[in-house]
Amino acid sequence: MTMVRIEHEIGRYMILCEGHSADEKCCNYITGVMYAFGGYVKNMESEGECEVYGFEIDEDAPRFLIHCGGDERIEAAFIAACIGLKQLEDARPDAICICADEEN
């Protein structure tokens, strides 16, 4: 099972995914969500529009960490990634478990 920790404070966003999922399809889904969010974050960082505090992709572990700060565009991408992960959790609770902390 993939364990996901999500943290959100005003202007700061973090998603950490660790562990193998239930099957290859679920792993691919999680990987796709994290690569999409991570790619956007890295593009925004290169344009000076995002600050990255932590960024790790280790497919062998597996472990994905994206921890960043930014404006409403980063927040929108973060929310989209969270929604995608939550949809998988709703459909396949055997594949992923999400723990979310929010401080607004």
C-alpha atoms as a PDB file:
ATOM      1  CA  MET A   1       0.000   0.000   0.000  1.00  0.00           C
ATOM      2  CA  THR A   2       1.185   3.509  -0.791  1.00  0.00           C
ATOM      3  CA  MET A   3       1.103   5.823   2.198  1.00  0.00           C
ATOM      4  CA  VAL A   4       0.551   9.480   1.333  1.00  0.00           C
ATOM      5  CA  ARG A   5       1.130  12.446   3.609  1.00  0.00           C
ATOM      6  CA  ILE A   6      -0.263  15.779   2.472  1.00  0.00           C
ATOM      7  CA  GLU A   7       0.502  19.054   4.221  1.00  0.00           C
ATOM      8  CA  HIS A   8      -0.783  22.500   3.338  1.00  0.00           C
ATOM      9  CA  GLU A   9      -0.200  25.840   4.968  1.00  0.00           C
ATOM     10  CA  ILE A  10      -0.767  29.202   3.333  1.00  0.00           C
ATOM     11  CA  GLY A  11       1.716  29.356   0.473  1.00  0.00           C
ATOM     12  CA  ARG A  12       3.400  26.014   1.313  1.00  0.00           C
ATOM     13  CA  TYR A  13       2.502  22.611  -0.120  1.00  0.00           C
ATOM     14  CA  MET A  14       3.854  19.109   0.440  1.00  0.00           C
ATOM     15  CA  ILE A  15       2.975  15.650  -0.885  1.00  0.00           C
ATOM     16  CA  LEU A  16       4.959  12.591   0.199  1.00  0.00           C
ATOM     17  CA  CYS A  17       4.153   9.160  -1.278  1.00  0.00           C
ATOM     18  CA  GLU A  18       5.955   6.074   0.026  1.00  0.00           C
ATOM     19  CA  GLY A  19       5.635   2.379  -0.649  1.00  0.00           C
ATOM     20  CA  HIS A  20       4.351   0.100  -3.371  1.00  0.00           C
ATOM     21  CA  SER A  21       0.694   0.188  -4.284  1.00  0.00           C
ATOM     22  CA  ALA A  22      -1.739  -2.707  -4.716  1.00  0.00           C
ATOM     23  CA  ASP A  23      -0.868  -3.375  -8.342  1.00  0.00           C
ATOM     24  CA  GLU A  24       0.920  -1.960 -11.368  1.00  0.00           C
ATOM     25  CA  LYS A  25      -2.063   0.125 -12.533  1.00  0.00           C
ATOM     26  CA  CYS A  26      -2.318   1.877  -9.169  1.00  0.00           C
ATOM     27  CA  CYS A  27       1.437   2.461  -9.035  1.00  0.00           C
ATOM     28  CA  ASN A  28       1.335   3.950 -12.537  1.00  0.00           C
ATOM     29  CA  TYR A  29      -1.575   6.197 -11.561  1.00  0.00           C
ATOM     30  CA  ILE A  30       0.248   7.552  -8.497  1.00  0.00           C
ATOM     31  CA  THR A  31       3.461   7.980 -10.487  1.00  0.00           C
ATOM     32  CA  GLY A  32       1.580   9.907 -13.184  1.00  0.00           C
ATOM     33  CA  VAL A  33      -0.005  12.271 -10.660  1.00  0.00           C
ATOM     34  CA  MET A  34       3.308  12.919  -8.916  1.00  0.00           C
ATOM     35  CA  TYR A  35       5.298  13.393 -12.134  1.00  0.00           C
ATOM     36  CA  ALA A  36       2.678  15.851 -13.428  1.00  0.00           C
ATOM     37  CA  PHE A  37       2.745  17.899 -10.204  1.00  0.00           C
ATOM     38  CA  GLY A  38       6.531  17.628  -9.941  1.00  0.00           C
ATOM     39  CA  GLY A  39       7.059  18.687 -13.547  1.00  0.00           C
ATOM     40  CA  TYR A  40       4.894  21.748 -13.067  1.00  0.00           C
ATOM     41  CA  VAL A  41       6.718  22.661  -9.850  1.00  0.00           C
ATOM     42  CA  LYS A  42      10.140  22.321 -11.516  1.00  0.00           C
ATOM     43  CA  ASN A  43       9.021  24.403 -14.507  1.00  0.00           C
ATOM     44  CA  MET A  44       7.740  27.129 -12.209  1.00  0.00           C
ATOM     45  CA  GLU A  45      10.951  26.981 -10.170  1.00  0.00           C
ATOM     46  CA  SER A  46      13.045  27.480 -13.315  1.00  0.00           C
ATOM     47  CA  GLU A  47      10.961  30.581 -14.091  1.00  0.00           C
ATOM     48  CA  GLY A  48      11.481  31.943 -10.563  1.00  0.00           C
ATOM     49  CA  GLU A  49       7.795  31.493  -9.733  1.00  0.00           C
ATOM     50  CA  CYS A  50       8.137  28.737  -7.108  1.00  0.00           C
ATOM     51  CA  GLU A  51      10.453  27.912  -4.230  1.00  0.00           C
ATOM     52  CA  VAL A  52      11.313  24.224  -3.823  1.00  0.00           C
ATOM     53  CA  TYR A  53      12.133  23.077  -0.279  1.00  0.00           C
ATOM     54  CA  GLY A  54      12.347  19.374  -1.050  1.00  0.00           C
ATOM     55  CA  PHE A  55      12.103  17.338  -4.228  1.00  0.00           C
ATOM     56  CA  GLU A  56      12.859  13.630  -4.357  1.00  0.00           C
ATOM     57  CA  ILE A  57      11.913  10.914  -6.810  1.00  0.00           C
ATOM     58  CA  ASP A  58      13.204   7.455  -5.946  1.00  0.00           C
ATOM     59  CA  GLU A  59      11.386   4.874  -8.039  1.00  0.00           C
ATOM     60  CA  ASP A  60      13.275   2.003  -6.404  1.00  0.00           C
ATOM     61  CA  ALA A  61      12.102   2.821  -2.856  1.00  0.00           C
ATOM     62  CA  PRO A  62       9.479   3.975  -4.103  1.00  0.00           C
ATOM     63  CA  ARG A  63       9.354   7.480  -2.650  1.00  0.00           C
ATOM     64  CA  PHE A  64       8.092  10.735  -4.132  1.00  0.00           C
ATOM     65  CA  LEU A  65       8.477  13.982  -2.189  1.00  0.00           C
ATOM     66  CA  ILE A  66       7.425  17.372  -3.482  1.00  0.00           C
ATOM     67  CA  HIS A  67       7.614  20.231  -0.972  1.00  0.00           C
ATOM     68  CA  CYS A  68       7.309  23.736  -2.343  1.00  0.00           C
ATOM     69  CA  GLY A  69       5.976  27.230  -1.908  1.00  0.00           C
ATOM     70  CA  GLY A  70       4.250  29.458  -4.391  1.00  0.00           C
ATOM     71  CA  ASP A  71       1.224  31.422  -5.458  1.00  0.00           C
ATOM     72  CA  GLU A  72      -2.276  30.410  -6.479  1.00  0.00           C
ATOM     73  CA  ARG A  73      -0.981  28.596  -9.583  1.00  0.00           C
ATOM     74  CA  ILE A  74       1.089  26.230  -7.444  1.00  0.00           C
ATOM     75  CA  GLU A  75      -1.866  25.861  -5.099  1.00  0.00           C
ATOM     76  CA  ALA A  76      -4.136  24.911  -8.018  1.00  0.00           C
ATOM     77  CA  ALA A  77      -1.653  22.272  -9.235  1.00  0.00           C
ATOM     78  CA  PHE A  78      -1.331  20.964  -5.656  1.00  0.00           C
ATOM     79  CA  ILE A  79      -5.119  20.724  -5.286  1.00  0.00           C
ATOM     80  CA  ALA A  80      -5.399  18.905  -8.628  1.00  0.00           C
ATOM     81  CA  ALA A  81      -2.757  16.378  -7.514  1.00  0.00           C
ATOM     82  CA  CYS A  82      -4.531  15.886  -4.173  1.00  0.00           C
ATOM     83  CA  ILE A  83      -7.866  15.345  -5.915  1.00  0.00           C
ATOM     84  CA  GLY A  84      -6.296  12.764  -8.213  1.00  0.00           C
ATOM     85  CA  LEU A  85      -4.789  10.861  -5.287  1.00  0.00           C
ATOM     86  CA  LYS A  86      -8.054  11.079  -3.319  1.00  0.00           C
ATOM     87  CA  GLN A  87     -10.022   9.690  -6.268  1.00  0.00           C
ATOM     88  CA  LEU A  88      -7.740   6.658  -6.301  1.00  0.00           C
ATOM     89  CA  GLU A  89      -8.134   6.237  -2.543  1.00  0.00           C
ATOM     90  CA  ASP A  90     -11.928   6.343  -2.912  1.00  0.00           C
ATOM     91  CA  ALA A  91     -11.867   3.751  -5.704  1.00  0.00           C
ATOM     92  CA  ARG A  92      -9.075   1.536  -4.357  1.00  0.00           C
ATOM     93  CA  PRO A  93      -8.668   1.857  -0.570  1.00  0.00           C
ATOM     94  CA  ASP A  94      -6.455  -1.236  -0.699  1.00  0.00           C
ATOM     95  CA  ALA A  95      -3.971   0.681  -2.872  1.00  0.00           C
ATOM     96  CA  ILE A  96      -3.439   4.012  -1.122  1.00  0.00           C
ATOM     97  CA  CYS A  97      -3.963   5.641   2.267  1.00  0.00           C
ATOM     98  CA  ILE A  98      -3.924   9.437   2.573  1.00  0.00           C
ATOM     99  CA  CYS A  99      -3.209  11.423   5.727  1.00  0.00           C
ATOM    100  CA  ALA A 100      -3.779  15.161   5.284  1.00  0.00           C
ATOM    101  CA  ASP A 101      -2.825  18.045   7.578  1.00  0.00           C
ATOM    102  CA  GLU A 102      -4.022  21.537   6.748  1.00  0.00           C
ATOM    103  CA  GLU A 103      -3.258  24.795   8.522  1.00  0.00           C
ATOM    104  CA  ASN A 104      -4.769  27.831   6.885  1.00  0.00           C
END
